[in-house]
């Protein structure tokens, strides 16, 4: 999903420190969409030099050492396939990504989110995937230590442990604001091509 806030950078990010490399797995898919899997230009060049990656695309920028001039890679692919984890770690970020950065009570997309226990901890609720949801501060304060019914709320989605695929697909809904033109082919395979 490309939006109007997306800024395509054509030539380069102007300085080597602004030239991160998109990291692809050996199957040429990004290791992660959100956060986007990136390495600094230094890490990318080190991996190229150690022959751990293949260079797929490059910036117009070069860096120099005493004896070498190297073009900075913009897209690199690992030579060894990294098996994606089948278990999603329970973190605040993954919880917000599962809930698409949306309050599960009022349904509004918010920048400032917290998390809320559906069954309050004071009533025996556990801090687990199936009992914690993203909530805006207003809804969280209004609900307090009450059940959703007592607070007059209804959940937009029943909370559950997300699969890695769910988080990957949710991550695709939040494209990076700045990206190099060489990254597009590897990030948006599902985008309908124009004729």
N, C-alpha and C. Protein backbone atom coordinates (compact mmCIF):
# COMPACT_ATOMS: atom_id res chain seq x y z
N UNK A 1 0.85 -1.17 0.00
CA UNK A 1 0.00 0.00 0.00
C UNK A 1 0.89 1.23 0.00
N UNK A 2 1.02 1.89 -1.11
CA UNK A 2 1.80 3.11 -1.21
C UNK A 2 0.89 4.30 -0.95
N UNK A 3 1.39 5.23 -0.17
CA UNK A 3 0.56 6.39 0.10
C UNK A 3 1.28 7.66 -0.34
N UNK A 4 0.60 8.78 -0.19
CA UNK A 4 1.17 10.05 -0.65
C UNK A 4 2.31 10.52 0.22
N UNK A 5 2.45 9.98 1.42
CA UNK A 5 3.53 10.39 2.30
C UNK A 5 4.86 9.75 1.91
N UNK A 6 4.82 8.77 1.03
CA UNK A 6 6.01 8.05 0.63
C UNK A 6 6.89 8.95 -0.22
N UNK A 7 8.16 8.98 0.10
CA UNK A 7 9.09 9.81 -0.63
C UNK A 7 10.13 8.92 -1.28
N UNK A 8 10.13 8.86 -2.60
CA UNK A 8 11.11 8.06 -3.33
C UNK A 8 12.35 8.91 -3.55
N UNK A 9 13.47 8.40 -3.13
CA UNK A 9 14.73 9.10 -3.30
C UNK A 9 15.40 8.52 -4.54
N UNK A 10 15.68 9.35 -5.52
CA UNK A 10 16.14 8.82 -6.80
C UNK A 10 17.64 8.52 -6.84
N UNK A 11 18.48 9.49 -6.71
CA UNK A 11 19.88 9.23 -6.93
C UNK A 11 20.57 8.64 -5.72
N UNK A 12 20.52 9.31 -4.63
CA UNK A 12 21.13 8.77 -3.41
C UNK A 12 20.64 9.59 -2.25
N UNK A 13 21.06 9.20 -1.07
CA UNK A 13 20.71 9.97 0.11
C UNK A 13 21.77 11.04 0.35
N UNK A 14 22.57 11.33 -0.69
CA UNK A 14 23.56 12.40 -0.75
C UNK A 14 24.86 12.15 0.02
N UNK A 15 24.83 11.52 1.13
CA UNK A 15 26.05 11.26 1.88
C UNK A 15 26.09 9.78 2.23
N UNK A 16 27.29 9.19 2.30
CA UNK A 16 27.37 7.76 2.61
C UNK A 16 26.63 7.36 3.88
N UNK A 17 26.65 8.21 4.91
CA UNK A 17 25.96 7.83 6.15
C UNK A 17 24.45 7.73 5.97
N UNK A 18 23.95 8.32 4.89
CA UNK A 18 22.52 8.27 4.61
C UNK A 18 22.19 7.20 3.57
N UNK A 19 23.04 6.22 3.40
CA UNK A 19 22.86 5.19 2.37
C UNK A 19 22.70 3.80 2.99
N UNK A 20 21.60 3.54 3.66
CA UNK A 20 21.43 2.19 4.23
C UNK A 20 21.15 1.18 3.12
N UNK A 21 21.47 -0.07 3.39
CA UNK A 21 21.23 -1.15 2.42
C UNK A 21 20.03 -1.97 2.89
N UNK A 22 19.12 -2.23 1.96
CA UNK A 22 17.99 -3.11 2.21
C UNK A 22 18.53 -4.54 2.23
N UNK A 23 18.20 -5.30 3.27
CA UNK A 23 18.70 -6.67 3.40
C UNK A 23 17.61 -7.64 2.98
N UNK A 24 17.95 -8.48 2.01
CA UNK A 24 17.04 -9.52 1.55
C UNK A 24 17.55 -10.87 2.02
N UNK A 25 16.63 -11.77 2.29
CA UNK A 25 17.01 -13.14 2.59
C UNK A 25 17.51 -13.78 1.30
N UNK A 26 17.98 -15.00 1.37
CA UNK A 26 18.50 -15.67 0.18
C UNK A 26 17.41 -15.89 -0.88
N UNK A 27 16.14 -15.84 -0.48
CA UNK A 27 15.04 -15.97 -1.44
C UNK A 27 14.60 -14.61 -2.01
N UNK A 28 15.38 -13.56 -1.73
CA UNK A 28 15.17 -12.21 -2.24
C UNK A 28 13.91 -11.55 -1.68
N UNK A 29 13.51 -11.95 -0.48
CA UNK A 29 12.44 -11.26 0.24
C UNK A 29 13.07 -10.54 1.43
N UNK A 30 12.55 -9.36 1.79
CA UNK A 30 13.12 -8.66 2.95
C UNK A 30 13.02 -9.51 4.22
N UNK A 31 14.04 -9.42 5.05
CA UNK A 31 14.01 -10.15 6.32
C UNK A 31 12.86 -9.65 7.17
N UNK A 32 12.57 -8.36 7.08
CA UNK A 32 11.50 -7.76 7.86
C UNK A 32 10.97 -6.55 7.10
N UNK A 33 9.65 -6.32 7.20
CA UNK A 33 9.05 -5.14 6.59
C UNK A 33 8.89 -4.01 7.59
N UNK A 34 8.59 -4.35 8.82
CA UNK A 34 8.34 -3.30 9.80
C UNK A 34 8.82 -3.77 11.16
N UNK A 35 9.97 -3.33 11.61
CA UNK A 35 10.81 -2.35 10.95
C UNK A 35 11.49 -2.94 9.73
N UNK A 36 11.77 -2.12 8.76
CA UNK A 36 12.38 -2.56 7.53
C UNK A 36 13.80 -3.04 7.82
N UNK A 37 14.19 -4.18 7.24
CA UNK A 37 15.52 -4.73 7.49
C UNK A 37 16.57 -3.94 6.71
N UNK A 38 17.33 -3.16 7.44
CA UNK A 38 18.36 -2.30 6.85
C UNK A 38 19.67 -2.46 7.61
N UNK A 39 20.76 -2.32 6.88
CA UNK A 39 22.10 -2.24 7.47
C UNK A 39 22.71 -0.92 7.07
N UNK A 40 23.59 -0.41 7.90
CA UNK A 40 24.33 0.80 7.54
C UNK A 40 25.24 0.47 6.36
N UNK A 41 25.69 1.49 5.66
CA UNK A 41 26.56 1.25 4.50
C UNK A 41 27.85 0.54 4.93
N UNK A 42 28.32 0.82 6.16
CA UNK A 42 29.55 0.17 6.64
C UNK A 42 29.34 -1.34 6.81
N UNK A 43 28.20 -1.71 7.43
CA UNK A 43 27.90 -3.13 7.62
C UNK A 43 27.73 -3.83 6.27
N UNK A 44 27.08 -3.15 5.33
CA UNK A 44 26.85 -3.74 4.01
C UNK A 44 28.17 -3.99 3.28
N UNK A 45 29.07 -3.01 3.30
CA UNK A 45 30.36 -3.17 2.62
C UNK A 45 31.19 -4.26 3.29
N UNK A 46 31.14 -4.33 4.60
CA UNK A 46 31.88 -5.38 5.32
C UNK A 46 31.35 -6.77 4.90
N UNK A 47 30.01 -6.92 4.81
CA UNK A 47 29.42 -8.19 4.41
C UNK A 47 29.79 -8.55 2.97
N UNK A 48 29.84 -7.55 2.10
CA UNK A 48 30.25 -7.78 0.70
C UNK A 48 31.71 -8.24 0.68
N UNK A 49 32.56 -7.55 1.40
CA UNK A 49 33.98 -7.87 1.44
C UNK A 49 34.22 -9.28 1.99
N UNK A 50 33.42 -9.69 2.97
CA UNK A 50 33.55 -11.03 3.56
C UNK A 50 32.79 -12.09 2.76
N UNK A 51 32.18 -11.67 1.64
CA UNK A 51 31.46 -12.56 0.72
C UNK A 51 30.29 -13.29 1.39
N UNK A 52 29.60 -12.59 2.28
CA UNK A 52 28.42 -13.14 2.95
C UNK A 52 27.12 -12.77 2.24
N UNK A 53 27.22 -11.79 1.34
CA UNK A 53 26.03 -11.30 0.61
C UNK A 53 26.36 -11.10 -0.86
N UNK A 54 25.30 -11.05 -1.66
CA UNK A 54 25.42 -10.66 -3.06
C UNK A 54 24.86 -9.25 -3.19
N UNK A 55 25.52 -8.43 -3.98
CA UNK A 55 25.02 -7.07 -4.23
C UNK A 55 23.98 -7.16 -5.33
N UNK A 56 22.79 -6.65 -5.04
CA UNK A 56 21.68 -6.68 -5.99
C UNK A 56 21.54 -5.33 -6.70
N UNK A 57 21.75 -4.25 -5.96
CA UNK A 57 21.66 -2.90 -6.53
C UNK A 57 22.61 -1.99 -5.76
N UNK A 58 22.99 -0.88 -6.41
CA UNK A 58 23.95 0.02 -5.79
C UNK A 58 23.48 1.47 -5.88
N UNK A 59 24.02 2.30 -4.96
CA UNK A 59 23.84 3.74 -5.03
C UNK A 59 24.84 4.30 -6.04
N UNK A 60 24.71 5.57 -6.34
CA UNK A 60 25.70 6.24 -7.17
C UNK A 60 26.89 6.71 -6.33
N UNK A 61 26.81 6.51 -5.05
CA UNK A 61 27.85 6.94 -4.11
C UNK A 61 28.97 5.91 -4.01
N UNK A 62 30.18 6.39 -3.81
CA UNK A 62 31.33 5.51 -3.57
C UNK A 62 32.03 5.94 -2.30
N UNK A 63 32.77 5.00 -1.72
CA UNK A 63 33.63 5.30 -0.58
C UNK A 63 35.03 4.84 -0.95
N UNK A 64 36.01 5.49 -0.35
CA UNK A 64 37.40 5.21 -0.68
C UNK A 64 38.15 4.78 0.56
N UNK A 65 39.05 3.83 0.37
CA UNK A 65 40.04 3.51 1.38
C UNK A 65 41.39 3.84 0.78
N UNK A 66 42.48 3.49 1.44
CA UNK A 66 43.80 3.79 0.90
C UNK A 66 44.04 3.08 -0.43
N UNK A 67 43.46 1.89 -0.59
CA UNK A 67 43.74 1.12 -1.80
C UNK A 67 42.50 0.73 -2.61
N UNK A 68 41.30 1.02 -2.11
CA UNK A 68 40.08 0.59 -2.79
C UNK A 68 39.10 1.74 -2.98
N UNK A 69 38.31 1.63 -4.02
CA UNK A 69 37.14 2.49 -4.22
C UNK A 69 35.96 1.54 -4.38
N UNK A 70 34.97 1.68 -3.51
CA UNK A 70 33.83 0.77 -3.52
C UNK A 70 32.53 1.54 -3.70
N UNK A 71 31.67 1.01 -4.56
CA UNK A 71 30.33 1.57 -4.71
C UNK A 71 29.47 1.07 -3.57
N UNK A 72 28.67 1.94 -2.98
CA UNK A 72 27.86 1.56 -1.81
C UNK A 72 26.64 0.77 -2.27
N UNK A 73 26.44 -0.44 -1.72
CA UNK A 73 25.27 -1.23 -2.10
C UNK A 73 23.98 -0.65 -1.53
N UNK A 74 22.91 -0.67 -2.33
CA UNK A 74 21.61 -0.22 -1.83
C UNK A 74 20.70 -1.40 -1.50
N UNK A 75 20.92 -2.54 -2.18
CA UNK A 75 20.17 -3.77 -1.89
C UNK A 75 21.17 -4.92 -1.89
N UNK A 76 21.12 -5.72 -0.82
CA UNK A 76 21.99 -6.89 -0.72
C UNK A 76 21.15 -8.11 -0.35
N UNK A 77 21.58 -9.27 -0.83
CA UNK A 77 20.88 -10.53 -0.53
C UNK A 77 21.85 -11.44 0.20
N UNK A 78 21.38 -12.01 1.31
CA UNK A 78 22.20 -12.95 2.06
C UNK A 78 22.46 -14.19 1.21
N UNK A 79 23.66 -14.77 1.33
CA UNK A 79 23.97 -16.00 0.59
C UNK A 79 23.39 -17.22 1.28
N UNK A 80 23.22 -17.13 2.60
CA UNK A 80 22.64 -18.24 3.37
C UNK A 80 21.23 -17.85 3.80
N UNK A 81 20.31 -18.77 3.59
CA UNK A 81 18.91 -18.50 3.95
C UNK A 81 18.73 -18.49 5.46
N UNK A 82 18.08 -17.45 5.96
CA UNK A 82 17.76 -17.34 7.38
C UNK A 82 16.33 -17.83 7.56
N UNK A 83 16.15 -18.90 8.34
CA UNK A 83 14.82 -19.45 8.56
C UNK A 83 14.05 -18.51 9.49
N UNK A 84 12.93 -17.98 9.02
CA UNK A 84 12.14 -17.07 9.87
C UNK A 84 11.62 -17.81 11.11
N UNK A 85 11.58 -17.08 12.20
CA UNK A 85 11.07 -17.65 13.44
C UNK A 85 9.59 -17.98 13.29
N UNK A 86 9.18 -19.11 13.84
CA UNK A 86 7.77 -19.51 13.79
C UNK A 86 7.00 -18.94 14.98
N UNK A 87 7.72 -18.46 15.97
CA UNK A 87 7.10 -17.92 17.18
C UNK A 87 7.37 -16.42 17.26
N UNK A 88 6.33 -15.66 17.40
CA UNK A 88 6.45 -14.21 17.49
C UNK A 88 6.68 -13.82 18.94
N UNK A 89 7.76 -13.08 19.23
CA UNK A 89 7.99 -12.66 20.62
C UNK A 89 6.92 -11.67 21.08
N UNK A 90 6.54 -11.78 22.34
CA UNK A 90 5.53 -10.90 22.92
C UNK A 90 6.21 -9.61 23.35
N UNK A 91 6.15 -8.60 22.48
CA UNK A 91 6.73 -7.29 22.78
C UNK A 91 5.67 -6.22 22.54
N UNK A 92 5.91 -5.08 23.10
CA UNK A 92 4.99 -3.94 22.92
C UNK A 92 4.86 -3.61 21.43
N UNK A 93 5.99 -3.55 20.73
CA UNK A 93 5.97 -3.23 19.31
C UNK A 93 5.15 -4.25 18.51
N UNK A 94 5.39 -5.55 18.76
CA UNK A 94 4.65 -6.59 18.02
C UNK A 94 3.16 -6.55 18.35
N UNK A 95 2.83 -6.20 19.58
CA UNK A 95 1.42 -6.06 19.97
C UNK A 95 0.77 -4.93 19.17
N UNK A 96 1.45 -3.78 19.10
CA UNK A 96 0.91 -2.65 18.34
C UNK A 96 0.80 -2.99 16.85
N UNK A 97 1.79 -3.72 16.34
CA UNK A 97 1.76 -4.11 14.93
C UNK A 97 0.61 -5.09 14.68
N UNK A 98 0.41 -6.05 15.59
CA UNK A 98 -0.73 -6.98 15.46
C UNK A 98 -2.04 -6.21 15.37
N UNK A 99 -2.18 -5.18 16.22
CA UNK A 99 -3.41 -4.38 16.27
C UNK A 99 -3.37 -3.20 15.30
N UNK A 100 -2.39 -3.19 14.40
CA UNK A 100 -2.25 -2.19 13.35
C UNK A 100 -2.23 -0.75 13.88
N UNK A 101 -1.59 -0.57 15.03
CA UNK A 101 -1.43 0.75 15.63
C UNK A 101 -2.77 1.46 15.80
N UNK A 102 -3.78 0.67 16.17
CA UNK A 102 -5.14 1.17 16.31
C UNK A 102 -5.67 0.79 17.69
N UNK A 103 -6.33 1.73 18.36
CA UNK A 103 -6.96 1.43 19.65
C UNK A 103 -8.05 0.38 19.41
N UNK A 104 -8.02 -0.68 20.17
CA UNK A 104 -8.97 -1.78 19.98
C UNK A 104 -10.32 -1.49 20.62
N UNK A 105 -10.45 -0.36 21.30
CA UNK A 105 -11.73 0.02 21.89
C UNK A 105 -12.46 1.06 21.03
N UNK A 106 -11.79 2.15 20.67
CA UNK A 106 -12.46 3.19 19.89
C UNK A 106 -12.21 3.05 18.40
N UNK A 107 -11.22 2.26 18.01
CA UNK A 107 -10.94 2.01 16.60
C UNK A 107 -10.15 3.09 15.90
N UNK A 108 -9.66 4.07 16.65
CA UNK A 108 -8.91 5.16 16.02
C UNK A 108 -7.42 4.83 15.97
N UNK A 109 -6.80 5.19 14.84
CA UNK A 109 -5.36 5.01 14.70
C UNK A 109 -4.69 6.14 15.48
N UNK A 110 -3.85 5.77 16.40
CA UNK A 110 -3.22 6.77 17.27
C UNK A 110 -1.71 6.63 17.23
N UNK A 111 -1.04 7.77 17.42
CA UNK A 111 0.43 7.73 17.52
C UNK A 111 0.85 7.35 18.92
N UNK A 112 0.11 7.82 19.91
CA UNK A 112 0.43 7.53 21.30
C UNK A 112 -0.47 6.40 21.79
N UNK A 113 0.07 5.20 21.81
CA UNK A 113 -0.69 4.05 22.29
C UNK A 113 -0.08 3.49 23.56
N UNK A 114 -0.90 2.82 24.30
CA UNK A 114 -0.46 2.05 25.45
C UNK A 114 -1.09 0.68 25.27
N UNK A 115 -0.90 -0.20 26.22
CA UNK A 115 -1.60 -1.48 26.11
C UNK A 115 -2.48 -1.67 27.32
N UNK A 116 -3.53 -2.45 27.13
CA UNK A 116 -4.52 -2.65 28.18
C UNK A 116 -4.82 -4.13 28.33
N UNK A 117 -5.01 -4.55 29.57
CA UNK A 117 -5.41 -5.93 29.85
C UNK A 117 -6.94 -6.00 29.73
N UNK A 118 -7.43 -6.86 28.83
CA UNK A 118 -8.87 -7.02 28.63
C UNK A 118 -9.51 -7.44 29.95
N UNK A 119 -8.99 -8.50 30.55
CA UNK A 119 -9.37 -8.86 31.92
C UNK A 119 -8.31 -8.23 32.80
N UNK A 120 -8.66 -7.23 33.61
CA UNK A 120 -7.66 -6.50 34.39
C UNK A 120 -6.81 -7.42 35.27
N UNK A 121 -5.57 -7.04 35.45
CA UNK A 121 -4.67 -7.84 36.30
C UNK A 121 -5.21 -7.95 37.72
N UNK A 122 -5.89 -6.89 38.17
CA UNK A 122 -6.46 -6.92 39.53
C UNK A 122 -7.56 -7.97 39.67
N UNK A 123 -8.08 -8.43 38.52
CA UNK A 123 -9.12 -9.47 38.53
C UNK A 123 -8.57 -10.80 38.01
N UNK A 124 -7.25 -10.94 38.02
CA UNK A 124 -6.62 -12.21 37.63
C UNK A 124 -6.19 -12.30 36.18
N UNK A 125 -6.32 -11.24 35.42
CA UNK A 125 -5.91 -11.25 34.01
C UNK A 125 -4.41 -11.36 33.86
N UNK A 126 -3.99 -12.11 32.88
CA UNK A 126 -2.57 -12.35 32.64
C UNK A 126 -2.07 -11.44 31.51
N UNK A 127 -0.76 -11.20 31.52
CA UNK A 127 -0.12 -10.44 30.45
C UNK A 127 0.28 -11.43 29.37
N UNK A 128 -0.66 -11.68 28.45
CA UNK A 128 -0.47 -12.64 27.36
C UNK A 128 -1.11 -12.09 26.10
N UNK A 129 -0.76 -12.70 24.97
CA UNK A 129 -1.32 -12.29 23.69
C UNK A 129 -2.85 -12.24 23.71
N UNK A 130 -3.48 -13.21 24.35
CA UNK A 130 -4.94 -13.30 24.30
C UNK A 130 -5.66 -12.43 25.33
N UNK A 131 -4.89 -11.61 26.08
CA UNK A 131 -5.53 -10.75 27.08
C UNK A 131 -5.04 -9.30 27.02
N UNK A 132 -4.15 -8.97 26.10
CA UNK A 132 -3.61 -7.61 26.03
C UNK A 132 -3.89 -7.04 24.64
N UNK A 133 -4.34 -5.78 24.61
CA UNK A 133 -4.64 -5.10 23.34
C UNK A 133 -4.04 -3.70 23.35
N UNK A 134 -3.87 -3.15 22.15
CA UNK A 134 -3.45 -1.75 22.01
C UNK A 134 -4.63 -0.86 22.38
N UNK A 135 -4.36 0.20 23.11
CA UNK A 135 -5.41 1.13 23.53
C UNK A 135 -4.86 2.54 23.56
N UNK A 136 -5.70 3.49 23.19
CA UNK A 136 -5.29 4.89 23.32
C UNK A 136 -5.37 5.24 24.81
N UNK A 137 -4.71 6.32 25.18
CA UNK A 137 -4.67 6.69 26.60
C UNK A 137 -6.05 7.03 27.15
N UNK A 138 -6.88 7.67 26.33
CA UNK A 138 -8.22 8.04 26.80
C UNK A 138 -9.04 6.80 27.13
N UNK A 139 -9.06 5.82 26.21
CA UNK A 139 -9.83 4.59 26.45
C UNK A 139 -9.25 3.79 27.61
N UNK A 140 -7.92 3.76 27.70
CA UNK A 140 -7.28 3.01 28.78
C UNK A 140 -7.64 3.60 30.14
N UNK A 141 -7.64 4.93 30.24
CA UNK A 141 -8.00 5.58 31.50
C UNK A 141 -9.49 5.38 31.82
N UNK A 142 -10.33 5.44 30.78
CA UNK A 142 -11.77 5.27 30.99
C UNK A 142 -12.09 3.84 31.45
N UNK A 143 -11.41 2.86 30.86
CA UNK A 143 -11.67 1.47 31.21
C UNK A 143 -11.13 1.15 32.61
N UNK A 144 -9.94 1.66 32.90
CA UNK A 144 -9.29 1.43 34.20
C UNK A 144 -9.26 -0.05 34.55
N UNK A 145 -9.73 -0.41 35.75
CA UNK A 145 -9.70 -1.81 36.20
C UNK A 145 -11.06 -2.49 36.00
N UNK A 146 -11.83 -1.99 35.04
CA UNK A 146 -13.15 -2.58 34.77
C UNK A 146 -13.06 -3.56 33.61
N UNK A 147 -14.06 -4.39 33.49
CA UNK A 147 -14.14 -5.27 32.32
C UNK A 147 -14.58 -4.43 31.14
N UNK A 148 -14.44 -4.95 29.93
CA UNK A 148 -14.86 -4.18 28.76
C UNK A 148 -16.35 -3.87 28.81
N UNK A 149 -17.16 -4.82 29.28
CA UNK A 149 -18.60 -4.61 29.40
C UNK A 149 -18.94 -3.53 30.41
N UNK A 150 -18.29 -3.56 31.57
CA UNK A 150 -18.53 -2.55 32.61
C UNK A 150 -18.16 -1.15 32.12
N UNK A 151 -17.12 -1.06 31.28
CA UNK A 151 -16.68 0.23 30.77
C UNK A 151 -17.51 0.67 29.56
N UNK A 152 -18.37 -0.21 29.05
CA UNK A 152 -19.18 0.12 27.88
C UNK A 152 -18.41 -0.01 26.57
N UNK A 153 -17.35 -0.79 26.59
CA UNK A 153 -16.52 -0.98 25.39
C UNK A 153 -16.81 -2.32 24.74
N UNK A 154 -16.48 -2.38 23.46
CA UNK A 154 -16.48 -3.64 22.72
C UNK A 154 -15.18 -3.71 21.93
N UNK A 155 -14.53 -4.85 21.96
CA UNK A 155 -13.27 -5.00 21.24
C UNK A 155 -13.51 -5.07 19.73
N UNK A 156 -12.63 -4.43 18.97
CA UNK A 156 -12.73 -4.49 17.52
C UNK A 156 -12.30 -5.85 17.00
N UNK A 157 -11.32 -6.46 17.66
CA UNK A 157 -10.85 -7.80 17.30
C UNK A 157 -10.56 -8.57 18.59
N UNK A 158 -10.85 -9.85 18.58
CA UNK A 158 -10.51 -10.69 19.72
C UNK A 158 -9.00 -10.88 19.71
N UNK A 159 -8.33 -10.57 20.82
CA UNK A 159 -6.87 -10.70 20.83
C UNK A 159 -6.43 -12.16 20.78
N UNK A 160 -5.36 -12.40 20.01
CA UNK A 160 -4.78 -13.74 19.92
C UNK A 160 -3.32 -13.62 19.53
N UNK A 161 -2.59 -14.72 19.68
CA UNK A 161 -1.18 -14.73 19.29
C UNK A 161 -1.11 -14.63 17.76
N UNK A 162 -0.37 -13.64 17.22
CA UNK A 162 -0.27 -13.51 15.77
C UNK A 162 0.78 -14.47 15.21
N UNK A 163 0.58 -14.88 13.99
CA UNK A 163 1.59 -15.68 13.31
C UNK A 163 2.61 -14.70 12.71
N UNK A 164 3.80 -15.18 12.37
CA UNK A 164 4.76 -14.29 11.70
C UNK A 164 4.19 -13.71 10.40
N UNK A 165 3.36 -14.49 9.69
CA UNK A 165 2.78 -14.02 8.44
C UNK A 165 1.83 -12.85 8.67
N UNK A 166 1.06 -12.89 9.75
CA UNK A 166 0.14 -11.79 10.07
C UNK A 166 0.94 -10.51 10.31
N UNK A 167 2.01 -10.60 11.10
CA UNK A 167 2.82 -9.41 11.36
C UNK A 167 3.50 -8.92 10.09
N UNK A 168 3.96 -9.84 9.26
CA UNK A 168 4.59 -9.45 7.99
C UNK A 168 3.60 -8.70 7.13
N UNK A 169 2.38 -9.22 6.99
CA UNK A 169 1.36 -8.55 6.19
C UNK A 169 0.93 -7.22 6.79
N UNK A 170 0.84 -7.16 8.12
CA UNK A 170 0.52 -5.88 8.76
C UNK A 170 1.63 -4.87 8.54
N UNK A 171 2.88 -5.34 8.59
CA UNK A 171 4.02 -4.45 8.37
C UNK A 171 4.03 -3.83 6.99
N UNK A 172 3.52 -4.55 6.00
CA UNK A 172 3.47 -4.03 4.63
C UNK A 172 2.51 -2.86 4.50
N UNK A 173 1.60 -2.71 5.45
CA UNK A 173 0.63 -1.61 5.41
C UNK A 173 1.24 -0.28 5.86
N UNK A 174 2.47 -0.34 6.37
CA UNK A 174 3.12 0.86 6.88
C UNK A 174 4.45 1.05 6.17
N UNK A 175 4.41 1.51 4.90
CA UNK A 175 5.66 1.64 4.13
C UNK A 175 6.57 2.70 4.73
N UNK A 176 7.88 2.53 4.51
CA UNK A 176 8.80 3.56 5.01
C UNK A 176 8.57 4.88 4.31
N UNK A 177 8.82 5.97 5.00
CA UNK A 177 8.58 7.29 4.42
C UNK A 177 9.66 7.67 3.40
N UNK A 178 10.86 7.22 3.62
CA UNK A 178 11.96 7.49 2.69
C UNK A 178 12.56 6.17 2.25
N UNK A 179 12.59 5.96 0.95
CA UNK A 179 13.24 4.76 0.46
C UNK A 179 13.84 5.01 -0.91
N UNK A 180 14.88 4.30 -1.17
CA UNK A 180 15.56 4.44 -2.45
C UNK A 180 14.77 3.72 -3.53
N UNK A 181 14.83 4.23 -4.76
CA UNK A 181 14.06 3.64 -5.86
C UNK A 181 14.43 2.19 -6.12
N UNK A 182 15.65 1.78 -5.77
CA UNK A 182 16.06 0.38 -6.02
C UNK A 182 15.38 -0.60 -5.07
N UNK A 183 14.76 -0.11 -4.01
CA UNK A 183 14.12 -0.99 -3.03
C UNK A 183 12.72 -1.42 -3.46
N UNK A 184 12.06 -0.63 -4.29
CA UNK A 184 10.65 -0.82 -4.58
C UNK A 184 10.31 -2.21 -5.10
N UNK A 185 11.11 -2.72 -6.03
CA UNK A 185 10.83 -4.04 -6.60
C UNK A 185 10.85 -5.16 -5.56
N UNK A 186 11.54 -4.95 -4.47
CA UNK A 186 11.67 -6.00 -3.46
C UNK A 186 10.68 -5.83 -2.31
N UNK A 187 10.05 -4.68 -2.24
CA UNK A 187 9.12 -4.42 -1.13
C UNK A 187 7.65 -4.59 -1.50
N UNK A 188 7.32 -4.40 -2.77
CA UNK A 188 5.91 -4.35 -3.13
C UNK A 188 5.59 -5.30 -4.26
N UNK A 189 5.73 -6.59 -4.02
CA UNK A 189 5.43 -7.61 -5.03
C UNK A 189 3.95 -7.69 -5.33
N UNK A 190 3.10 -7.37 -4.35
CA UNK A 190 1.66 -7.53 -4.52
C UNK A 190 0.99 -6.32 -5.14
N UNK A 191 1.74 -5.24 -5.37
CA UNK A 191 1.16 -4.03 -5.96
C UNK A 191 0.84 -4.31 -7.42
N UNK A 192 -0.38 -3.92 -7.83
CA UNK A 192 -0.79 -4.12 -9.21
C UNK A 192 0.04 -3.24 -10.13
N UNK A 193 0.56 -3.84 -11.18
CA UNK A 193 1.40 -3.12 -12.12
C UNK A 193 0.53 -2.27 -13.04
N UNK A 194 1.04 -1.09 -13.38
CA UNK A 194 0.31 -0.21 -14.29
C UNK A 194 0.63 -0.61 -15.72
N UNK A 195 -0.34 -0.41 -16.62
CA UNK A 195 -0.12 -0.75 -18.04
C UNK A 195 0.49 0.42 -18.79
